Amino acid sequence: MPSEVIHTCLVRAKMCKEIGKLQNKTSSDTGYFMTGLFSLMDSILGIPTEKILKDLPITDEVSHALKGNDNHHKQVLNLVITVKNGEWSTVSEQSKAHHIKESDVYHIYRKSLKWSVEL
């Protein structure tokens, strides 16, 4: 298993968590972290997402997001993916849609990269 895929999952997890916290300061929802962490589990395990999710004790919101259904967790994951893919104009649009400063998103990205390397 390429370590880059695992690294990507870790960065996604941390970014989703931080963006979720930024948007919902009163929430301690771990679902954002789980959404990012499990976002590539099908690639890592070689098993379809549906089968993986069947056996995991995660919330419906996280499960729906990982299946590609539109909800807030999926929208945050989409923003994270656009950052990781370097789709800067889309990052700008999605940041505005989430009412987040673009500079905060980039700060979270840098912080998440650093965190993932330090593990």
C-alpha atoms as a PDB file:
ATOM      1  CA  MET A   1       0.000   0.000   0.000  1.00  0.00           C
ATOM      2  CA  PRO A   2       1.510   3.301  -1.028  1.00  0.00           C
ATOM      3  CA  SER A   3       2.171   5.462   2.015  1.00  0.00           C
ATOM      4  CA  GLU A   4       1.017   8.482  -0.014  1.00  0.00           C
ATOM      5  CA  VAL A   5      -2.585   7.248   0.049  1.00  0.00           C
ATOM      6  CA  ILE A   6      -2.461   6.868   3.820  1.00  0.00           C
ATOM      7  CA  HIS A   7      -0.831  10.285   4.124  1.00  0.00           C
ATOM      8  CA  THR A   8      -3.597  11.775   1.969  1.00  0.00           C
ATOM      9  CA  CYS A   9      -6.239  10.233   4.251  1.00  0.00           C
ATOM     10  CA  LEU A  10      -4.550  11.708   7.308  1.00  0.00           C
ATOM     11  CA  VAL A  11      -4.337  15.178   5.752  1.00  0.00           C
ATOM     12  CA  ARG A  12      -7.973  14.951   4.648  1.00  0.00           C
ATOM     13  CA  ALA A  13      -9.043  13.844   8.127  1.00  0.00           C
ATOM     14  CA  LYS A  14      -7.270  16.703   9.901  1.00  0.00           C
ATOM     15  CA  MET A  15      -8.489  19.277   7.383  1.00  0.00           C
ATOM     16  CA  CYS A  16     -12.097  18.093   7.579  1.00  0.00           C
ATOM     17  CA  LYS A  17     -11.956  18.241  11.372  1.00  0.00           C
ATOM     18  CA  GLU A  18     -10.460  21.744  11.423  1.00  0.00           C
ATOM     19  CA  ILE A  19     -12.883  23.129   8.830  1.00  0.00           C
ATOM     20  CA  GLY A  20     -15.783  21.518  10.693  1.00  0.00           C
ATOM     21  CA  LYS A  21     -14.610  23.156  13.931  1.00  0.00           C
ATOM     22  CA  LEU A  22     -14.159  26.495  12.188  1.00  0.00           C
ATOM     23  CA  GLN A  23     -17.710  26.408  10.895  1.00  0.00           C
ATOM     24  CA  ASN A  24     -19.349  24.997  13.993  1.00  0.00           C
ATOM     25  CA  LYS A  25     -17.375  26.267  16.968  1.00  0.00           C
ATOM     26  CA  THR A  26     -19.695  24.615  19.500  1.00  0.00           C
ATOM     27  CA  SER A  27     -19.487  21.158  17.934  1.00  0.00           C
ATOM     28  CA  SER A  28     -17.126  18.400  18.987  1.00  0.00           C
ATOM     29  CA  ASP A  29     -18.272  16.305  16.021  1.00  0.00           C
ATOM     30  CA  THR A  30     -15.637  13.686  15.233  1.00  0.00           C
ATOM     31  CA  GLY A  31     -17.551  12.828  12.083  1.00  0.00           C
ATOM     32  CA  TYR A  32     -15.575  15.317  10.026  1.00  0.00           C
ATOM     33  CA  PHE A  33     -12.309  13.616  10.963  1.00  0.00           C
ATOM     34  CA  MET A  34     -13.801  10.203  10.199  1.00  0.00           C
ATOM     35  CA  THR A  35     -15.106  11.419   6.836  1.00  0.00           C
ATOM     36  CA  GLY A  36     -11.633  12.483   5.768  1.00  0.00           C
ATOM     37  CA  LEU A  37      -9.919   9.454   7.262  1.00  0.00           C
ATOM     38  CA  PHE A  38     -12.176   6.912   5.550  1.00  0.00           C
ATOM     39  CA  SER A  39     -12.470   8.812   2.258  1.00  0.00           C
ATOM     40  CA  LEU A  40     -10.022   6.493   0.479  1.00  0.00           C
ATOM     41  CA  MET A  41     -10.626   3.279   2.430  1.00  0.00           C
ATOM     42  CA  ASP A  42     -11.932   1.532  -0.660  1.00  0.00           C
ATOM     43  CA  SER A  43      -8.580   2.165  -2.378  1.00  0.00           C
ATOM     44  CA  ILE A  44      -6.584   1.102   0.656  1.00  0.00           C
ATOM     45  CA  LEU A  45      -8.535  -2.090   1.353  1.00  0.00           C
ATOM     46  CA  GLY A  46      -9.586  -2.975  -2.182  1.00  0.00           C
ATOM     47  CA  ILE A  47     -13.161  -3.402  -0.969  1.00  0.00           C
ATOM     48  CA  PRO A  48     -16.212  -1.432  -2.151  1.00  0.00           C
ATOM     49  CA  THR A  49     -17.185   1.494   0.085  1.00  0.00           C
ATOM     50  CA  GLU A  50     -20.662   0.046   0.726  1.00  0.00           C
ATOM     51  CA  LYS A  51     -19.192  -3.133   2.193  1.00  0.00           C
ATOM     52  CA  ILE A  52     -16.688  -1.252   4.371  1.00  0.00           C
ATOM     53  CA  LEU A  53     -19.361   1.068   5.764  1.00  0.00           C
ATOM     54  CA  LYS A  54     -21.647  -1.824   6.606  1.00  0.00           C
ATOM     55  CA  ASP A  55     -19.188  -3.001   9.252  1.00  0.00           C
ATOM     56  CA  LEU A  56     -18.171   0.359  10.717  1.00  0.00           C
ATOM     57  CA  PRO A  57     -19.856   2.011  13.706  1.00  0.00           C
ATOM     58  CA  ILE A  58     -20.141   5.476  12.134  1.00  0.00           C
ATOM     59  CA  THR A  59     -22.973   7.969  11.961  1.00  0.00           C
ATOM     60  CA  ASP A  60     -25.400   8.057   9.069  1.00  0.00           C
ATOM     61  CA  GLU A  61     -24.130  11.520   8.135  1.00  0.00           C
ATOM     62  CA  VAL A  62     -20.572  10.231   7.703  1.00  0.00           C
ATOM     63  CA  SER A  63     -21.779   7.101   5.924  1.00  0.00           C
ATOM     64  CA  HIS A  64     -23.882   9.141   3.497  1.00  0.00           C
ATOM     65  CA  ALA A  65     -20.974  11.493   2.803  1.00  0.00           C
ATOM     66  CA  LEU A  66     -18.632   8.596   2.064  1.00  0.00           C
ATOM     67  CA  LYS A  67     -21.211   7.123  -0.302  1.00  0.00           C
ATOM     68  CA  GLY A  68     -21.164  10.430  -2.196  1.00  0.00           C
ATOM     69  CA  ASN A  69     -24.489  11.787  -0.944  1.00  0.00           C
ATOM     70  CA  ASP A  70     -24.594  15.550  -0.535  1.00  0.00           C
ATOM     71  CA  ASN A  71     -24.520  16.722   3.076  1.00  0.00           C
ATOM     72  CA  HIS A  72     -22.333  19.052   5.109  1.00  0.00           C
ATOM     73  CA  HIS A  73     -19.657  16.424   5.746  1.00  0.00           C
ATOM     74  CA  LYS A  74     -19.467  15.692   2.000  1.00  0.00           C
ATOM     75  CA  GLN A  75     -19.260  19.407   1.190  1.00  0.00           C
ATOM     76  CA  VAL A  76     -16.370  19.849   3.622  1.00  0.00           C
ATOM     77  CA  LEU A  77     -14.644  16.788   2.122  1.00  0.00           C
ATOM     78  CA  ASN A  78     -15.127  18.238  -1.360  1.00  0.00           C
ATOM     79  CA  LEU A  79     -13.453  21.481  -0.262  1.00  0.00           C
ATOM     80  CA  VAL A  80     -10.551  19.507   1.203  1.00  0.00           C
ATOM     81  CA  ILE A  81     -10.162  17.495  -2.002  1.00  0.00           C
ATOM     82  CA  THR A  82     -10.102  20.639  -4.148  1.00  0.00           C
ATOM     83  CA  VAL A  83      -7.320  22.059  -1.968  1.00  0.00           C
ATOM     84  CA  LYS A  84      -5.323  18.828  -2.177  1.00  0.00           C
ATOM     85  CA  ASN A  85      -5.830  18.787  -5.979  1.00  0.00           C
ATOM     86  CA  GLY A  86      -4.741  22.412  -6.357  1.00  0.00           C
ATOM     87  CA  GLU A  87      -8.046  23.547  -7.889  1.00  0.00           C
ATOM     88  CA  TRP A  88      -7.575  27.108  -6.628  1.00  0.00           C
ATOM     89  CA  SER A  89     -10.538  28.807  -8.306  1.00  0.00           C
ATOM     90  CA  THR A  90     -12.848  26.084  -6.972  1.00  0.00           C
ATOM     91  CA  VAL A  91     -11.288  26.445  -3.513  1.00  0.00           C
ATOM     92  CA  SER A  92     -12.128  30.141  -3.654  1.00  0.00           C
ATOM     93  CA  GLU A  93     -15.737  29.460  -4.662  1.00  0.00           C
ATOM     94  CA  GLN A  94     -16.252  26.737  -2.073  1.00  0.00           C
ATOM     95  CA  SER A  95     -14.654  28.798   0.692  1.00  0.00           C
ATOM     96  CA  LYS A  96     -17.125  31.584  -0.002  1.00  0.00           C
ATOM     97  CA  ALA A  97     -20.010  29.118  -0.055  1.00  0.00           C
ATOM     98  CA  HIS A  98     -18.911  27.822   3.376  1.00  0.00           C
ATOM     99  CA  HIS A  99     -18.404  31.358   4.697  1.00  0.00           C
ATOM    100  CA  ILE A 100     -14.750  30.650   5.410  1.00  0.00           C
ATOM    101  CA  LYS A 101     -11.850  32.895   4.524  1.00  0.00           C
ATOM    102  CA  GLU A 102      -9.722  31.335   1.844  1.00  0.00           C
ATOM    103  CA  SER A 103      -6.626  32.188   3.874  1.00  0.00           C
ATOM    104  CA  ASP A 104      -8.026  30.099   6.755  1.00  0.00           C
ATOM    105  CA  VAL A 105      -8.417  27.124   4.424  1.00  0.00           C
ATOM    106  CA  TYR A 106      -4.788  27.406   3.291  1.00  0.00           C
ATOM    107  CA  HIS A 107      -3.639  27.792   6.894  1.00  0.00           C
ATOM    108  CA  ILE A 108      -5.559  24.622   7.800  1.00  0.00           C
ATOM    109  CA  TYR A 109      -3.957  22.830   4.850  1.00  0.00           C
ATOM    110  CA  ARG A 110      -0.438  23.779   5.941  1.00  0.00           C
ATOM    111  CA  LYS A 111      -1.223  22.874   9.560  1.00  0.00           C
ATOM    112  CA  SER A 112      -2.653  19.500   8.465  1.00  0.00           C
ATOM    113  CA  LEU A 113       0.361  18.685   6.318  1.00  0.00           C
ATOM    114  CA  LYS A 114       2.677  19.452   9.218  1.00  0.00           C
ATOM    115  CA  TRP A 115       0.535  17.399  11.627  1.00  0.00           C
ATOM    116  CA  SER A 116       0.497  14.374   9.310  1.00  0.00           C
ATOM    117  CA  VAL A 117       4.269  14.378   8.921  1.00  0.00           C
ATOM    118  CA  GLU A 118       4.825  14.657  12.669  1.00  0.00           C
ATOM    119  CA  LEU A 119       2.801  11.519  13.481  1.00  0.00           C
END
